[in-house]
Amino acid sequence: MRTYRLPDRSLLLALFIVLLSGTAMAAPVDFSQQYERGKLLSQQGMYLEAVKALEQAVMLTRRGKSHFGAHIYLAQALWKVGDVSRAKELIQKAKKIIQLRRRIW
């Protein structure tokens, strides 16, 4: 008969801390903060940084997915860095957002 030995408490505690810290590090994205940051960076001509902030606002938040201005600012920043195809896609999404809002009103 084979006996199994449980790992000692310090190993289990260390594993628990590692697992817990991984989930705690993934803080939720704040739409307003990323949107305003992206707009400011875009106005300053820092388009790559603006793309990163605006992508977080648009892609990772519920509000951003239906926010016309965020899509337009992101499309503009993408256009400036040369990603024309993605910029056009975002402009189409922005048009759909406006069309949906008109139906609701």
Protein backbone atom coordinates (compact mmCIF):
# COMPACT_ATOMS: atom_id res chain seq x y z
CA MET A 1 0.00 0.00 0.00
CA ARG A 2 1.34 3.35 -1.00
CA THR A 3 1.12 6.37 1.27
CA TYR A 4 1.02 9.92 0.07
CA ARG A 5 2.52 12.77 1.94
CA LEU A 6 0.82 16.14 1.84
CA PRO A 7 2.99 19.17 1.08
CA ASP A 8 3.90 21.19 4.13
CA ARG A 9 1.91 24.29 5.04
CA SER A 10 4.53 26.78 3.87
CA LEU A 11 4.41 25.37 0.35
CA LEU A 12 0.62 25.48 0.29
CA LEU A 13 0.63 29.03 1.63
CA ALA A 14 3.15 30.14 -1.01
CA LEU A 15 1.05 28.56 -3.77
CA PHE A 16 -2.08 30.23 -2.43
CA ILE A 17 -0.37 33.64 -2.36
CA VAL A 18 0.89 33.24 -5.93
CA LEU A 19 -2.58 32.32 -7.17
CA LEU A 20 -4.21 35.12 -5.25
CA SER A 21 -1.74 37.76 -6.39
CA GLY A 22 -2.31 36.84 -10.03
CA THR A 23 -5.99 37.63 -9.78
CA ALA A 24 -5.47 40.77 -7.75
CA MET A 25 -3.08 42.22 -10.33
CA ALA A 26 -5.72 42.23 -13.05
CA ALA A 27 -7.44 45.45 -12.04
CA PRO A 28 -10.60 46.41 -13.91
CA VAL A 29 -10.23 48.99 -16.67
CA ASP A 30 -11.85 52.35 -15.96
CA PHE A 31 -13.49 53.63 -19.16
CA SER A 32 -13.41 57.34 -18.35
CA GLN A 33 -9.79 57.28 -17.30
CA GLN A 34 -8.58 55.43 -20.41
CA TYR A 35 -10.83 57.42 -22.75
CA GLU A 36 -9.65 60.79 -21.42
CA ARG A 37 -6.04 59.60 -21.41
CA GLY A 38 -6.33 58.41 -25.01
CA LYS A 39 -7.91 61.69 -26.15
CA LEU A 40 -5.17 63.71 -24.47
CA LEU A 41 -2.39 61.57 -25.92
CA SER A 42 -3.94 61.83 -29.36
CA GLN A 43 -4.19 65.62 -29.10
CA GLN A 44 -0.50 65.71 -28.15
CA GLY A 45 0.43 63.65 -31.19
CA MET A 46 1.39 60.56 -29.18
CA TYR A 47 -0.67 58.25 -31.33
CA LEU A 48 0.81 54.85 -30.40
CA GLU A 49 0.17 55.51 -26.72
CA ALA A 50 -3.27 56.87 -27.56
CA VAL A 51 -4.11 53.66 -29.42
CA LYS A 52 -3.18 51.57 -26.38
CA ALA A 53 -5.32 53.63 -24.00
CA LEU A 54 -8.28 53.90 -26.35
CA GLU A 55 -8.18 50.19 -27.19
CA GLN A 56 -8.49 49.44 -23.49
CA ALA A 57 -11.42 51.83 -23.20
CA VAL A 58 -13.21 50.43 -26.25
CA MET A 59 -12.41 46.73 -26.06
CA LEU A 60 -12.33 46.06 -22.32
CA THR A 61 -15.29 48.03 -20.99
CA ARG A 62 -18.99 47.64 -21.57
CA ARG A 63 -19.46 51.39 -21.90
CA GLY A 64 -16.63 51.66 -24.42
CA LYS A 65 -18.17 49.10 -26.75
CA SER A 66 -21.11 51.43 -27.36
CA HIS A 67 -19.35 54.82 -27.09
CA PHE A 68 -19.28 56.71 -30.38
CA GLY A 69 -16.51 59.16 -29.42
CA ALA A 70 -14.16 56.46 -28.20
CA HIS A 71 -14.48 54.64 -31.52
CA ILE A 72 -13.83 57.82 -33.49
CA TYR A 73 -10.78 58.84 -31.44
CA LEU A 74 -9.39 55.32 -31.71
CA ALA A 75 -9.99 55.29 -35.48
CA GLN A 76 -8.20 58.63 -35.80
CA ALA A 77 -5.19 57.42 -33.79
CA LEU A 78 -5.02 54.18 -35.79
CA TRP A 79 -5.17 56.18 -39.02
CA LYS A 80 -2.26 58.33 -37.84
CA VAL A 81 -0.10 55.27 -37.08
CA GLY A 82 -0.90 53.77 -40.47
CA ASP A 83 -3.41 51.09 -39.54
CA VAL A 84 -5.97 52.24 -42.09
CA SER A 85 -7.96 49.01 -42.31
CA ARG A 86 -8.65 48.90 -38.56
CA ALA A 87 -9.46 52.61 -38.60
CA LYS A 88 -12.08 52.00 -41.29
CA GLU A 89 -13.56 49.11 -39.28
CA LEU A 90 -13.93 51.34 -36.23
CA ILE A 91 -15.58 54.08 -38.27
CA GLN A 92 -18.12 51.50 -39.47
CA LYS A 93 -18.74 50.43 -35.86
CA ALA A 94 -19.21 54.08 -34.87
CA LYS A 95 -21.80 54.47 -37.65
CA LYS A 96 -23.68 51.43 -36.33
CA ILE A 97 -23.65 52.90 -32.82
CA ILE A 98 -25.26 56.09 -34.13
CA GLN A 99 -27.84 54.12 -36.13
CA LEU A 100 -28.78 52.07 -33.07
CA ARG A 101 -29.18 55.20 -30.96
CA ARG A 102 -31.44 56.80 -33.57
CA ARG A 103 -33.69 53.72 -33.49
CA ILE A 104 -33.93 53.91 -29.71
CA TRP A 105 -34.84 57.62 -29.74
